Amino acid sequence: MTKLSVNINKIATLRNARGGNVPDVLKVALDCEKFGAQGITVHPRPDQRHIRFDDVYKLKENITTEFNIEGYPGENFINMVIDVKPAQVTLVPDAPDAITSNAGWDTLKNKSFLQEVIYRFKNAGIRTSIFVDTKLQNIENAKQTGTNRIELYTEPYAINYIKNKENAVAPFADAAILANNLGLGINAGHDLNLQNLKYFAQHIPGLLEVSIGHALISDALYFGLQKTIALYLRELYCEK
């Protein structure tokens, strides 16, 4: 069954807009778990404009489901992750000033770099995942980095789903088949929502986890957090 990991960065963004501790990032994470989410994802950036490094430590001490830390593997990030030891680290190729993740790794160009970083994480007992697009060459080279999983960057799927959902999902299904054959676990994330999640999950073989933040937190403004998580879980677990 595909796990739902809730990215709580938007909660931290809202908190940071006014200072103080409202909304409480830790409480929201614990509520997400209580309402059925099987994981919590955070993406601390170098400028700490949303999730802060101290949030990461507090979350690790308190949450009981899978903890996934994603980010660009600069030295400060690497040291923090090794110190915290989450269940999973997801590596993204974001520039420091990126608003949000907007591309996967060029796994050929960055193969040596990723091999070195992933070795450090795996040596610390942390499962690794790397953000990739659907280019089959990038997935083939991802296998050679030593990563445990890939996370499929799904913004192109979300954009094209509205035009033609069959064409939109096709390259992702092909990528998943190759990843399965290579023994790579498959995660996915970026712009998945209540309109496109069900179709995606139905057509991606071996999909282990989706990480959803912006859409889920936005939906919670209308439906409430508990109902929203239930709605996303329903989309994942409906009969195929």
C-alpha atoms as a PDB file:
ATOM      1  CA  MET A   1       0.000   0.000   0.000  1.00  0.00           C
ATOM      2  CA  THR A   2       1.191   3.497  -0.838  1.00  0.00           C
ATOM      3  CA  LYS A   3       2.039   5.619   2.193  1.00  0.00           C
ATOM      4  CA  LEU A   4       0.936   9.231   2.546  1.00  0.00           C
ATOM      5  CA  SER A   5       3.658  11.515   3.902  1.00  0.00           C
ATOM      6  CA  VAL A   6       2.459  15.037   4.681  1.00  0.00           C
ATOM      7  CA  ASN A   7       4.897  17.849   3.947  1.00  0.00           C
ATOM      8  CA  ILE A   8       4.378  20.467   6.675  1.00  0.00           C
ATOM      9  CA  ASN A   9       6.582  23.234   5.254  1.00  0.00           C
ATOM     10  CA  LYS A  10       3.544  25.427   4.547  1.00  0.00           C
ATOM     11  CA  ILE A  11       2.644  25.326   8.235  1.00  0.00           C
ATOM     12  CA  ALA A  12       6.078  26.656   9.100  1.00  0.00           C
ATOM     13  CA  THR A  13       5.763  29.346   6.416  1.00  0.00           C
ATOM     14  CA  LEU A  14       2.541  30.574   7.999  1.00  0.00           C
ATOM     15  CA  ARG A  15       4.096  30.548  11.475  1.00  0.00           C
ATOM     16  CA  ASN A  16       7.159  32.438  10.333  1.00  0.00           C
ATOM     17  CA  ALA A  17       5.049  35.167   8.716  1.00  0.00           C
ATOM     18  CA  ARG A  18       4.108  36.475  12.182  1.00  0.00           C
ATOM     19  CA  GLY A  19       6.803  35.061  14.447  1.00  0.00           C
ATOM     20  CA  GLY A  20       5.928  33.172  17.608  1.00  0.00           C
ATOM     21  CA  ASN A  21       4.636  29.628  17.454  1.00  0.00           C
ATOM     22  CA  VAL A  22       1.214  29.893  15.819  1.00  0.00           C
ATOM     23  CA  PRO A  23       0.472  27.600  14.119  1.00  0.00           C
ATOM     24  CA  ASP A  24       2.468  25.042  16.095  1.00  0.00           C
ATOM     25  CA  VAL A  25       4.462  22.953  13.609  1.00  0.00           C
ATOM     26  CA  LEU A  26       4.945  20.067  16.028  1.00  0.00           C
ATOM     27  CA  LYS A  27       1.261  19.915  16.962  1.00  0.00           C
ATOM     28  CA  VAL A  28       0.239  19.872  13.321  1.00  0.00           C
ATOM     29  CA  ALA A  29       2.672  17.021  12.637  1.00  0.00           C
ATOM     30  CA  LEU A  30       1.297  15.025  15.559  1.00  0.00           C
ATOM     31  CA  ASP A  31      -2.262  15.730  14.416  1.00  0.00           C
ATOM     32  CA  CYS A  32      -1.400  14.533  10.902  1.00  0.00           C
ATOM     33  CA  GLU A  33      -0.208  11.263  12.428  1.00  0.00           C
ATOM     34  CA  LYS A  34      -3.302  11.005  14.599  1.00  0.00           C
ATOM     35  CA  PHE A  35      -5.538  11.550  11.574  1.00  0.00           C
ATOM     36  CA  GLY A  36      -3.893   8.736   9.599  1.00  0.00           C
ATOM     37  CA  ALA A  37      -0.842  10.081   7.782  1.00  0.00           C
ATOM     38  CA  GLN A  38       1.916   7.465   7.646  1.00  0.00           C
ATOM     39  CA  GLY A  39       4.773   9.942   7.454  1.00  0.00           C
ATOM     40  CA  ILE A  40       5.916  13.517   7.928  1.00  0.00           C
ATOM     41  CA  THR A  41       8.123  15.309   5.400  1.00  0.00           C
ATOM     42  CA  VAL A  42      10.086  18.517   5.931  1.00  0.00           C
ATOM     43  CA  HIS A  43      12.388  20.483   3.642  1.00  0.00           C
ATOM     44  CA  PRO A  44      14.724  22.744   5.636  1.00  0.00           C
ATOM     45  CA  ARG A  45      16.454  25.263   3.390  1.00  0.00           C
ATOM     46  CA  PRO A  46      19.726  27.071   4.110  1.00  0.00           C
ATOM     47  CA  ASP A  47      17.925  30.338   4.936  1.00  0.00           C
ATOM     48  CA  GLN A  48      15.428  28.459   7.185  1.00  0.00           C
ATOM     49  CA  ARG A  49      12.584  30.496   5.685  1.00  0.00           C
ATOM     50  CA  HIS A  50      10.041  27.851   6.627  1.00  0.00           C
ATOM     51  CA  ILE A  51      11.150  24.683   8.433  1.00  0.00           C
ATOM     52  CA  ARG A  52      14.030  25.517  10.760  1.00  0.00           C
ATOM     53  CA  PHE A  53      16.765  23.205  11.893  1.00  0.00           C
ATOM     54  CA  ASP A  54      15.426  23.263  15.463  1.00  0.00           C
ATOM     55  CA  ASP A  55      12.024  22.135  14.112  1.00  0.00           C
ATOM     56  CA  VAL A  56      13.731  19.092  12.638  1.00  0.00           C
ATOM     57  CA  TYR A  57      15.144  18.043  15.993  1.00  0.00           C
ATOM     58  CA  LYS A  58      11.820  18.563  17.815  1.00  0.00           C
ATOM     59  CA  LEU A  59       9.956  16.557  15.219  1.00  0.00           C
ATOM     60  CA  LYS A  60      12.429  13.680  15.406  1.00  0.00           C
ATOM     61  CA  GLU A  61      11.961  13.512  19.169  1.00  0.00           C
ATOM     62  CA  ASN A  62       8.179  13.357  19.001  1.00  0.00           C
ATOM     63  CA  ILE A  63       6.727  11.874  15.839  1.00  0.00           C
ATOM     64  CA  THR A  64       6.182   8.126  15.662  1.00  0.00           C
ATOM     65  CA  THR A  65       5.594   7.563  11.940  1.00  0.00           C
ATOM     66  CA  GLU A  66       8.180   7.738   9.176  1.00  0.00           C
ATOM     67  CA  PHE A  67      10.239  10.931   9.168  1.00  0.00           C
ATOM     68  CA  ASN A  68      11.503  12.132   5.779  1.00  0.00           C
ATOM     69  CA  ILE A  69      13.912  15.058   5.488  1.00  0.00           C
ATOM     70  CA  GLU A  70      14.438  16.431   1.997  1.00  0.00           C
ATOM     71  CA  GLY A  71      16.850  19.040   0.752  1.00  0.00           C
ATOM     72  CA  TYR A  72      19.976  19.872  -1.178  1.00  0.00           C
ATOM     73  CA  PRO A  73      22.932  17.950   0.305  1.00  0.00           C
ATOM     74  CA  GLY A  74      25.168  20.801   1.367  1.00  0.00           C
ATOM     75  CA  GLU A  75      27.514  20.078   4.241  1.00  0.00           C
ATOM     76  CA  ASN A  76      25.281  21.629   6.920  1.00  0.00           C
ATOM     77  CA  PHE A  77      22.318  19.630   5.659  1.00  0.00           C
ATOM     78  CA  ILE A  78      24.318  16.409   5.557  1.00  0.00           C
ATOM     79  CA  ASN A  79      25.586  16.862   9.106  1.00  0.00           C
ATOM     80  CA  MET A  80      22.119  17.641  10.424  1.00  0.00           C
ATOM     81  CA  VAL A  81      20.547  14.604   8.762  1.00  0.00           C
ATOM     82  CA  ILE A  82      23.242  12.260  10.040  1.00  0.00           C
ATOM     83  CA  ASP A  83      22.771  13.692  13.529  1.00  0.00           C
ATOM     84  CA  VAL A  84      18.966  13.389  13.438  1.00  0.00           C
ATOM     85  CA  LYS A  85      18.871  10.004  11.659  1.00  0.00           C
ATOM     86  CA  PRO A  86      15.425  10.112  10.042  1.00  0.00           C
ATOM     87  CA  ALA A  87      13.945   7.062   8.395  1.00  0.00           C
ATOM     88  CA  GLN A  88      14.605   8.602   4.985  1.00  0.00           C
ATOM     89  CA  VAL A  89      16.509  11.464   3.387  1.00  0.00           C
ATOM     90  CA  THR A  90      15.387  12.730  -0.026  1.00  0.00           C
ATOM     91  CA  LEU A  91      18.006  14.582  -2.046  1.00  0.00           C
ATOM     92  CA  VAL A  92      16.891  17.409  -4.338  1.00  0.00           C
ATOM     93  CA  PRO A  93      19.034  19.551  -6.662  1.00  0.00           C
ATOM     94  CA  ASP A  94      17.492  22.861  -5.558  1.00  0.00           C
ATOM     95  CA  ALA A  95      19.417  26.102  -5.650  1.00  0.00           C
ATOM     96  CA  PRO A  96      19.376  27.908  -2.267  1.00  0.00           C
ATOM     97  CA  ASP A  97      16.952  30.556  -3.545  1.00  0.00           C
ATOM     98  CA  ALA A  98      14.514  28.159  -5.222  1.00  0.00           C
ATOM     99  CA  ILE A  99      10.897  28.787  -4.233  1.00  0.00           C
ATOM    100  CA  THR A 100      10.139  25.090  -4.496  1.00  0.00           C
ATOM    101  CA  SER A 101      11.656  22.008  -6.096  1.00  0.00           C
ATOM    102  CA  ASN A 102      11.397  22.340  -9.867  1.00  0.00           C
ATOM    103  CA  ALA A 103      13.600  19.642 -11.406  1.00  0.00           C
ATOM    104  CA  GLY A 104      15.128  16.261 -10.822  1.00  0.00           C
ATOM    105  CA  TRP A 105      18.831  15.381 -10.694  1.00  0.00           C
ATOM    106  CA  ASP A 106      20.947  14.921 -13.764  1.00  0.00           C
ATOM    107  CA  THR A 107      22.197  11.631 -12.373  1.00  0.00           C
ATOM    108  CA  LEU A 108      24.927  11.219 -14.976  1.00  0.00           C
ATOM    109  CA  LYS A 109      26.465  14.643 -14.455  1.00  0.00           C
ATOM    110  CA  ASN A 110      26.147  14.389 -10.664  1.00  0.00           C
ATOM    111  CA  LYS A 111      26.786  10.667 -10.285  1.00  0.00           C
ATOM    112  CA  SER A 112      30.063  10.902  -8.370  1.00  0.00           C
ATOM    113  CA  PHE A 113      28.735  13.603  -6.050  1.00  0.00           C
ATOM    114  CA  LEU A 114      25.595  11.622  -5.292  1.00  0.00           C
ATOM    115  CA  GLN A 115      27.558   8.417  -4.755  1.00  0.00           C
ATOM    116  CA  GLU A 116      29.686  10.120  -2.098  1.00  0.00           C
ATOM    117  CA  VAL A 117      26.744  11.720  -0.314  1.00  0.00           C
ATOM    118  CA  ILE A 118      24.567   8.613  -0.418  1.00  0.00           C
ATOM    119  CA  TYR A 119      27.423   6.522   0.956  1.00  0.00           C
ATOM    120  CA  ARG A 120      27.574   8.808   3.990  1.00  0.00           C
ATOM    121  CA  PHE A 121      23.855   8.553   4.627  1.00  0.00           C
ATOM    122  CA  LYS A 122      23.660   4.809   4.120  1.00  0.00           C
ATOM    123  CA  ASN A 123      26.671   4.336   6.363  1.00  0.00           C
ATOM    124  CA  ALA A 124      24.621   6.112   9.050  1.00  0.00           C
ATOM    125  CA  GLY A 125      21.712   3.717   8.523  1.00  0.00           C
ATOM    126  CA  ILE A 126      19.472   6.198   6.705  1.00  0.00           C
ATOM    127  CA  ARG A 127      17.401   5.166   3.688  1.00  0.00           C
ATOM    128  CA  THR A 128      18.069   7.410   0.701  1.00  0.00           C
ATOM    129  CA  SER A 129      15.874   8.680  -2.102  1.00  0.00           C
ATOM    130  CA  ILE A 130      16.767  11.067  -4.927  1.00  0.00           C
ATOM    131  CA  PHE A 131      14.477  13.375  -6.887  1.00  0.00           C
ATOM    132  CA  VAL A 132      14.384  12.439 -10.598  1.00  0.00           C
ATOM    133  CA  ASP A 133      12.385  13.099 -13.746  1.00  0.00           C
ATOM    134  CA  THR A 134      11.119  10.363 -16.047  1.00  0.00           C
ATOM    135  CA  LYS A 135      14.141  10.246 -18.376  1.00  0.00           C
ATOM    136  CA  LEU A 136      15.092   6.598 -18.343  1.00  0.00           C
ATOM    137  CA  GLN A 137      18.802   7.423 -18.463  1.00  0.00           C
ATOM    138  CA  ASN A 138      18.464   9.372 -15.212  1.00  0.00           C
ATOM    139  CA  ILE A 139      16.801   6.393 -13.560  1.00  0.00           C
ATOM    140  CA  GLU A 140      19.455   3.986 -14.845  1.00  0.00           C
ATOM    141  CA  ASN A 141      22.184   6.222 -13.456  1.00  0.00           C
ATOM    142  CA  ALA A 142      20.254   6.671 -10.214  1.00  0.00           C
ATOM    143  CA  LYS A 143      20.725   2.964  -9.624  1.00  0.00           C
ATOM    144  CA  GLN A 144      24.487   3.450  -9.912  1.00  0.00           C
ATOM    145  CA  THR A 145      24.519   6.135  -7.218  1.00  0.00           C
ATOM    146  CA  GLY A 146      23.595   3.520  -4.626  1.00  0.00           C
ATOM    147  CA  THR A 147      20.280   5.119  -3.663  1.00  0.00           C
ATOM    148  CA  ASN A 148      17.533   2.955  -2.198  1.00  0.00           C
ATOM    149  CA  ARG A 149      14.695   4.830  -3.861  1.00  0.00           C
ATOM    150  CA  ILE A 150      13.841   7.495  -6.378  1.00  0.00           C
ATOM    151  CA  GLU A 151      11.175  10.168  -5.993  1.00  0.00           C
ATOM    152  CA  LEU A 152       9.438  10.915  -9.271  1.00  0.00           C
ATOM    153  CA  TYR A 153       9.009  14.662  -9.845  1.00  0.00           C
ATOM    154  CA  THR A 154       5.323  14.858 -10.741  1.00  0.00           C
ATOM    155  CA  GLU A 155       4.724  18.493 -11.744  1.00  0.00           C
ATOM    156  CA  PRO A 156       4.715  17.594 -15.490  1.00  0.00           C
ATOM    157  CA  TYR A 157       2.109  14.929 -14.751  1.00  0.00           C
ATOM    158  CA  ALA A 158      -0.078  17.408 -12.852  1.00  0.00           C
ATOM    159  CA  ILE A 159       0.121  19.996 -15.643  1.00  0.00           C
ATOM    160  CA  ASN A 160      -0.640  17.533 -18.431  1.00  0.00           C
ATOM    161  CA  TYR A 161      -3.275  15.568 -16.505  1.00  0.00           C
ATOM    162  CA  ILE A 162      -5.801  18.299 -17.267  1.00  0.00           C
ATOM    163  CA  LYS A 163      -5.144  17.991 -21.008  1.00  0.00           C
ATOM    164  CA  ASN A 164      -4.795  14.223 -21.410  1.00  0.00           C
ATOM    165  CA  LYS A 165      -4.400  12.039 -18.352  1.00  0.00           C
ATOM    166  CA  GLU A 166      -3.383   8.934 -20.310  1.00  0.00           C
ATOM    167  CA  ASN A 167      -0.512  10.735 -21.999  1.00  0.00           C
ATOM    168  CA  ALA A 168       0.376  12.487 -18.761  1.00  0.00           C
ATOM    169  CA  VAL A 169       0.878   9.305 -16.765  1.00  0.00           C
ATOM    170  CA  ALA A 170       2.513   7.200 -19.485  1.00  0.00           C
ATOM    171  CA  PRO A 171       6.152   8.318 -18.998  1.00  0.00           C
ATOM    172  CA  PHE A 172       5.789   7.913 -15.247  1.00  0.00           C
ATOM    173  CA  ALA A 173       4.489   4.372 -15.643  1.00  0.00           C
ATOM    174  CA  ASP A 174       7.426   3.559 -17.940  1.00  0.00           C
ATOM    175  CA  ALA A 175       9.840   5.064 -15.432  1.00  0.00           C
ATOM    176  CA  ALA A 176       8.286   3.026 -12.633  1.00  0.00           C
ATOM    177  CA  ILE A 177       8.599  -0.202 -14.592  1.00  0.00           C
ATOM    178  CA  LEU A 178      12.287   0.460 -15.156  1.00  0.00           C
ATOM    179  CA  ALA A 179      12.839   1.389 -11.512  1.00  0.00           C
ATOM    180  CA  ASN A 180      11.110  -1.790 -10.379  1.00  0.00           C
ATOM    181  CA  ASN A 181      13.289  -3.848 -12.705  1.00  0.00           C
ATOM    182  CA  LEU A 182      16.391  -2.153 -11.295  1.00  0.00           C
ATOM    183  CA  GLY A 183      15.328  -2.830  -7.723  1.00  0.00           C
ATOM    184  CA  LEU A 184      14.708   0.827  -6.854  1.00  0.00           C
ATOM    185  CA  GLY A 185      11.862   1.798  -4.567  1.00  0.00           C
ATOM    186  CA  ILE A 186       9.490   4.437  -5.927  1.00  0.00           C
ATOM    187  CA  ASN A 187       8.231   7.583  -4.195  1.00  0.00           C
ATOM    188  CA  ALA A 188       6.508  10.523  -5.880  1.00  0.00           C
ATOM    189  CA  GLY A 189       5.679  14.121  -5.174  1.00  0.00           C
ATOM    190  CA  HIS A 190       5.010  17.657  -6.397  1.00  0.00           C
ATOM    191  CA  ASP A 191       1.579  19.037  -7.313  1.00  0.00           C
ATOM    192  CA  LEU A 192      -0.275  15.810  -6.572  1.00  0.00           C
ATOM    193  CA  ASN A 193      -3.769  16.665  -5.346  1.00  0.00           C
ATOM    194  CA  LEU A 194      -7.291  15.334  -4.843  1.00  0.00           C
ATOM    195  CA  GLN A 195      -8.023  15.612  -8.558  1.00  0.00           C
ATOM    196  CA  ASN A 196      -5.029  13.717  -9.949  1.00  0.00           C
ATOM    197  CA  LEU A 197      -3.743  11.485  -7.144  1.00  0.00           C
ATOM    198  CA  LYS A 198      -6.067   8.520  -7.611  1.00  0.00           C
ATOM    199  CA  TYR A 199      -5.283   8.112 -11.303  1.00  0.00           C
ATOM    200  CA  PHE A 200      -1.570   8.410 -10.679  1.00  0.00           C
ATOM    201  CA  ALA A 201      -1.562   5.829  -7.894  1.00  0.00           C
ATOM    202  CA  GLN A 202      -3.578   3.413 -10.023  1.00  0.00           C
ATOM    203  CA  HIS A 203      -1.082   3.527 -12.884  1.00  0.00           C
ATOM    204  CA  ILE A 204       2.295   3.532 -11.125  1.00  0.00           C
ATOM    205  CA  PRO A 205       3.373  -0.020 -10.267  1.00  0.00           C
ATOM    206  CA  GLY A 206       5.223  -0.369  -6.988  1.00  0.00           C
ATOM    207  CA  LEU A 207       4.453   3.156  -5.731  1.00  0.00           C
ATOM    208  CA  LEU A 208       5.609   3.113  -2.109  1.00  0.00           C
ATOM    209  CA  GLU A 209       5.050   6.681  -0.936  1.00  0.00           C
ATOM    210  CA  VAL A 210       3.688  10.053  -1.975  1.00  0.00           C
ATOM    211  CA  SER A 211       4.787  13.285  -0.311  1.00  0.00           C
ATOM    212  CA  ILE A 212       2.124  15.996  -0.490  1.00  0.00           C
ATOM    213  CA  GLY A 213       2.227  19.408   1.113  1.00  0.00           C
ATOM    214  CA  HIS A 214       0.962  22.481  -0.731  1.00  0.00           C
ATOM    215  CA  ALA A 215      -2.284  21.017  -2.049  1.00  0.00           C
ATOM    216  CA  LEU A 216      -3.093  19.105   1.126  1.00  0.00           C
ATOM    217  CA  ILE A 217      -2.535  22.059   3.443  1.00  0.00           C
ATOM    218  CA  SER A 218      -4.532  24.292   1.081  1.00  0.00           C
ATOM    219  CA  ASP A 219      -7.412  21.812   1.067  1.00  0.00           C
ATOM    220  CA  ALA A 220      -7.308  21.736   4.854  1.00  0.00           C
ATOM    221  CA  LEU A 221      -8.281  25.420   4.902  1.00  0.00           C
ATOM    222  CA  TYR A 222     -11.640  24.377   3.456  1.00  0.00           C
ATOM    223  CA  PHE A 223     -12.205  20.871   4.783  1.00  0.00           C
ATOM    224  CA  GLY A 224     -10.187  20.826   7.998  1.00  0.00           C
ATOM    225  CA  LEU A 225      -7.015  18.793   8.484  1.00  0.00           C
ATOM    226  CA  GLN A 226      -8.635  15.574   9.670  1.00  0.00           C
ATOM    227  CA  LYS A 227     -11.118  15.354   6.799  1.00  0.00           C
ATOM    228  CA  THR A 228      -8.495  16.363   4.256  1.00  0.00           C
ATOM    229  CA  ILE A 229      -6.113  13.580   5.254  1.00  0.00           C
ATOM    230  CA  ALA A 230      -9.015  11.129   5.103  1.00  0.00           C
ATOM    231  CA  LEU A 231      -9.829  12.345   1.581  1.00  0.00           C
ATOM    232  CA  TYR A 232      -6.242  11.851   0.398  1.00  0.00           C
ATOM    233  CA  LEU A 233      -6.059   8.394   1.949  1.00  0.00           C
ATOM    234  CA  ARG A 234      -9.322   7.518   0.225  1.00  0.00           C
ATOM    235  CA  GLU A 235      -7.813   8.460  -3.137  1.00  0.00           C
ATOM    236  CA  LEU A 236      -4.799   6.247  -2.463  1.00  0.00           C
ATOM    237  CA  TYR A 237      -6.699   3.238  -1.181  1.00  0.00           C
ATOM    238  CA  CYS A 238      -9.756   3.177  -3.422  1.00  0.00           C
ATOM    239  CA  GLU A 239     -10.270   0.022  -5.415  1.00  0.00           C
ATOM    240  CA  LYS A 240      -8.348  -0.103  -8.674  1.00  0.00           C
END
